[in-house]
């Protein structure tokens, strides 16, 4: 882990990626690159009317993510590693779920124009959980813009993530079942995960507690 310059924590809504990214950043004295969903003016309306607001919400996030990653193109300027809670390569996943054919074609052209600027991470930690678990976590934190999320949408999202990471091979990936791993409230669980990260020896590994 001490050699990692850029680490990403990923997973569907409610998996705990932002919380884990914060804890890992504190442990590694790393800079944080966190999505800012509260800045997206279309997000709350998207969860109420997905067909109408899918394209603007998707493009806003794409531009936000690309802007945040641009400084990483000059890693030699940074003395500290960076940890993020989003993987740019995964961005089209949402587009394929929510956009119609014409919108997807437009999005893909914009994504292809921006994508070469992004740097690949040294490691991705992919957090998994069943849709019912994700739904319960989303309800518990009760962010105002997430109140319109249905369990059906979370199930589709979880399935899409699983399919994406099944084929993803651009960087090493540690897949973590986060259902029984409480790295928010239990320090012992967080230390177990850190130890698992340090022990990685191959490009694709899996960690399941219980």
Protein backbone atom coordinates (compact mmCIF):
# COMPACT_ATOMS: atom_id res chain seq x y z
CA UNK A 1 0.00 0.00 0.00
CA UNK A 2 2.89 2.36 0.67
CA UNK A 3 3.72 2.28 -3.05
CA UNK A 4 0.20 3.22 -4.17
CA UNK A 5 -0.03 6.68 -5.68
CA UNK A 6 -3.69 6.58 -6.74
CA UNK A 7 -6.31 4.28 -5.19
CA UNK A 8 -10.04 4.20 -5.97
CA UNK A 9 -12.90 2.84 -3.87
CA UNK A 10 -15.94 1.94 -5.97
CA UNK A 11 -19.36 0.38 -5.58
CA UNK A 12 -23.08 1.10 -6.01
CA UNK A 13 -24.97 3.67 -3.97
CA UNK A 14 -24.96 2.62 -0.32
CA UNK A 15 -21.93 0.32 -0.52
CA UNK A 16 -19.84 2.63 1.69
CA UNK A 17 -17.25 3.79 -0.83
CA UNK A 18 -17.01 7.41 0.35
CA UNK A 19 -16.69 6.40 4.02
CA UNK A 20 -13.97 3.89 3.23
CA UNK A 21 -12.15 6.37 0.99
CA UNK A 22 -12.08 8.87 3.87
CA UNK A 23 -10.72 6.32 6.34
CA UNK A 24 -8.05 5.08 3.94
CA UNK A 25 -7.02 8.64 3.13
CA UNK A 26 -6.58 9.37 6.83
CA UNK A 27 -4.52 6.19 7.29
CA UNK A 28 -2.28 6.84 4.28
CA UNK A 29 -2.08 10.66 4.63
CA UNK A 30 -3.54 10.88 1.13
CA UNK A 31 -5.44 13.59 -0.72
CA UNK A 32 -9.15 12.92 -1.24
CA UNK A 33 -11.00 13.05 -4.55
CA UNK A 34 -14.68 12.73 -3.66
CA UNK A 35 -17.72 13.11 -5.87
CA UNK A 36 -19.86 16.09 -4.92
CA UNK A 37 -23.44 14.95 -5.64
CA UNK A 38 -24.88 17.94 -3.78
CA UNK A 39 -23.43 20.17 -6.50
CA UNK A 40 -25.43 18.44 -9.24
CA UNK A 41 -28.58 20.57 -9.74
CA UNK A 42 -30.34 17.79 -11.66
CA UNK A 43 -29.84 14.90 -9.22
CA UNK A 44 -32.89 15.19 -7.00
CA UNK A 45 -35.12 15.68 -10.04
CA UNK A 46 -33.48 12.68 -11.73
CA UNK A 47 -34.67 10.32 -8.99
CA UNK A 48 -38.21 11.63 -9.50
CA UNK A 49 -38.20 11.58 -13.32
CA UNK A 50 -35.28 9.54 -14.71
CA UNK A 51 -36.08 9.70 -18.44
CA UNK A 52 -36.27 13.50 -18.39
CA UNK A 53 -33.15 14.26 -16.34
CA UNK A 54 -30.86 11.30 -17.07
CA UNK A 55 -28.73 13.08 -19.68
CA UNK A 56 -28.07 16.35 -17.80
CA UNK A 57 -27.33 14.54 -14.53
CA UNK A 58 -24.95 12.18 -16.36
CA UNK A 59 -23.09 14.93 -18.20
CA UNK A 60 -22.77 17.06 -15.06
CA UNK A 61 -21.13 14.18 -13.21
CA UNK A 62 -18.87 13.39 -16.18
CA UNK A 63 -17.52 16.95 -16.35
CA UNK A 64 -17.16 17.07 -12.56
CA UNK A 65 -15.20 13.80 -12.45
CA UNK A 66 -12.91 14.75 -15.33
CA UNK A 67 -12.19 18.14 -13.77
CA UNK A 68 -11.27 16.52 -10.45
CA UNK A 69 -8.93 14.03 -12.13
CA UNK A 70 -7.03 16.51 -14.30
CA UNK A 71 -4.39 17.35 -11.63
CA UNK A 72 -3.46 13.65 -11.40
CA UNK A 73 -2.03 13.81 -14.92
CA UNK A 74 1.02 15.40 -13.27
CA UNK A 75 1.62 12.94 -10.45
CA UNK A 76 5.23 14.03 -10.05
CA UNK A 77 3.89 17.35 -8.70
CA UNK A 78 2.20 15.57 -5.79
CA UNK A 79 4.11 14.42 -2.74
CA UNK A 80 1.04 12.68 -1.33
CA UNK A 81 -0.98 9.79 -2.79
CA UNK A 82 -4.60 10.31 -3.85
CA UNK A 83 -7.70 8.30 -2.98
CA UNK A 84 -11.02 8.72 -4.80
CA UNK A 85 -14.54 7.36 -4.52
CA UNK A 86 -15.18 7.08 -8.27
CA UNK A 87 -13.62 5.35 -11.28
CA UNK A 88 -13.96 7.24 -14.55
CA UNK A 89 -13.93 4.02 -16.58
CA UNK A 90 -17.21 3.10 -14.83
CA UNK A 91 -18.94 6.33 -15.85
CA UNK A 92 -20.69 4.82 -18.93
CA UNK A 93 -22.31 2.21 -16.67
CA UNK A 94 -24.92 4.72 -15.51
CA UNK A 95 -25.39 6.06 -19.03
CA UNK A 96 -26.25 2.62 -20.40
CA UNK A 97 -28.86 2.12 -17.69
CA UNK A 98 -30.62 5.47 -17.92
CA UNK A 99 -30.15 7.01 -21.40
CA UNK A 100 -32.07 6.32 -24.60
CA UNK A 101 -30.19 5.42 -27.77
CA UNK A 102 -29.75 8.98 -29.10
CA UNK A 103 -28.72 10.34 -25.70
CA UNK A 104 -26.27 7.49 -25.21
CA UNK A 105 -24.66 8.17 -28.59
CA UNK A 106 -24.20 11.85 -27.67
CA UNK A 107 -22.86 10.97 -24.22
CA UNK A 108 -20.42 8.44 -25.69
CA UNK A 109 -18.94 11.05 -28.05
CA UNK A 110 -18.36 13.45 -25.16
CA UNK A 111 -16.95 10.69 -22.94
CA UNK A 112 -14.57 9.51 -25.67
CA UNK A 113 -13.30 13.07 -26.13
CA UNK A 114 -12.59 13.49 -22.41
CA UNK A 115 -11.52 9.96 -21.41
CA UNK A 116 -7.85 10.04 -22.59
CA UNK A 117 -7.07 12.71 -19.98
CA UNK A 118 -7.87 10.41 -17.07
CA UNK A 119 -5.20 8.49 -15.19
CA UNK A 120 -5.71 4.83 -14.30
CA UNK A 121 -5.55 4.01 -10.58
CA UNK A 122 -2.95 1.64 -9.13
CA UNK A 123 -5.71 -0.31 -7.35
CA UNK A 124 -9.52 -0.39 -7.22
CA UNK A 125 -11.39 -1.58 -4.11
CA UNK A 126 -14.82 -2.68 -5.32
CA UNK A 127 -17.45 -2.89 -2.55
CA UNK A 128 -20.36 -5.28 -3.08
CA UNK A 129 -23.68 -5.69 -1.23
CA UNK A 130 -27.13 -7.10 -1.92
CA UNK A 131 -29.78 -4.60 -3.10
CA UNK A 132 -31.78 -4.93 0.15
CA UNK A 133 -28.67 -4.02 2.15
CA UNK A 134 -27.96 -1.06 -0.13
CA UNK A 135 -31.56 0.15 0.18
CA UNK A 136 -31.44 -0.03 3.98
CA UNK A 137 -28.19 1.94 4.10
CA UNK A 138 -29.56 4.59 1.75
CA UNK A 139 -32.70 4.96 3.90
CA UNK A 140 -30.61 5.16 7.06
CA UNK A 141 -28.47 8.06 5.87
CA UNK A 142 -31.52 9.77 4.34
CA UNK A 143 -29.79 12.28 2.08
CA UNK A 144 -32.51 14.47 0.60
CA UNK A 145 -31.54 13.83 -3.04
CA UNK A 146 -31.64 10.03 -2.46
CA UNK A 147 -35.17 9.72 -1.12
CA UNK A 148 -36.55 8.90 -4.54
CA UNK A 149 -34.24 5.93 -5.16
CA UNK A 150 -36.15 2.66 -5.55
CA UNK A 151 -34.86 -0.76 -4.55
CA UNK A 152 -35.46 -1.87 -8.15
CA UNK A 153 -33.03 0.79 -9.37
CA UNK A 154 -30.46 -0.26 -6.75
CA UNK A 155 -30.83 -3.88 -7.86
CA UNK A 156 -30.21 -2.90 -11.49
CA UNK A 157 -27.23 -0.82 -10.39
CA UNK A 158 -25.72 -3.65 -8.32
CA UNK A 159 -26.10 -6.07 -11.21
CA UNK A 160 -24.50 -3.60 -13.62
CA UNK A 161 -21.55 -3.06 -11.27
CA UNK A 162 -21.04 -6.81 -10.93
CA UNK A 163 -21.07 -7.22 -14.71
CA UNK A 164 -18.68 -4.29 -15.20
CA UNK A 165 -16.08 -5.52 -12.71
CA UNK A 166 -16.36 -9.10 -13.97
CA UNK A 167 -14.86 -7.88 -17.24
CA UNK A 168 -12.73 -4.98 -15.96
CA UNK A 169 -8.99 -5.71 -16.17
CA UNK A 170 -7.35 -2.34 -16.66
CA UNK A 171 -6.10 -2.21 -13.06
CA UNK A 172 -5.77 -4.57 -10.06
CA UNK A 173 -9.09 -5.04 -8.22
CA UNK A 174 -9.88 -6.19 -4.69
CA UNK A 175 -13.58 -7.14 -4.54
CA UNK A 176 -14.96 -6.78 -1.01
CA UNK A 177 -18.28 -8.11 0.28
CA UNK A 178 -19.26 -5.19 2.49
CA UNK A 179 -22.43 -6.71 3.98
CA UNK A 180 -20.75 -8.02 7.14
CA UNK A 181 -17.77 -5.67 7.11
CA UNK A 182 -18.57 -2.60 9.21
CA UNK A 183 -15.55 -0.38 8.60
CA UNK A 184 -17.59 2.64 9.74
CA UNK A 185 -18.27 1.65 13.35
CA UNK A 186 -15.82 -1.21 13.96
CA UNK A 187 -12.13 -0.33 13.88
CA UNK A 188 -11.26 -4.04 13.91
CA UNK A 189 -13.10 -4.52 10.61
CA UNK A 190 -11.28 -1.58 9.07
CA UNK A 191 -7.93 -3.01 10.21
CA UNK A 192 -8.86 -6.38 8.69
CA UNK A 193 -9.49 -4.70 5.36
CA UNK A 194 -6.25 -2.70 5.53
CA UNK A 195 -4.38 -5.93 6.26
CA UNK A 196 -6.09 -7.59 3.29
CA UNK A 197 -5.02 -4.73 1.04
CA UNK A 198 -1.43 -4.99 2.21
CA UNK A 199 -1.44 -8.76 1.57
CA UNK A 200 -2.60 -8.57 -2.07
CA UNK A 201 -0.37 -10.57 -4.40
CA UNK A 202 -2.40 -10.87 -7.62
CA UNK A 203 -4.40 -8.50 -9.82
CA UNK A 204 -7.83 -9.89 -8.86
CA UNK A 205 -8.66 -10.95 -5.33
CA UNK A 206 -11.79 -11.27 -3.16
CA UNK A 207 -12.37 -10.53 0.52
CA UNK A 208 -15.43 -11.77 2.37
CA UNK A 209 -15.90 -11.52 6.17
CA UNK A 210 -18.20 -14.23 7.49
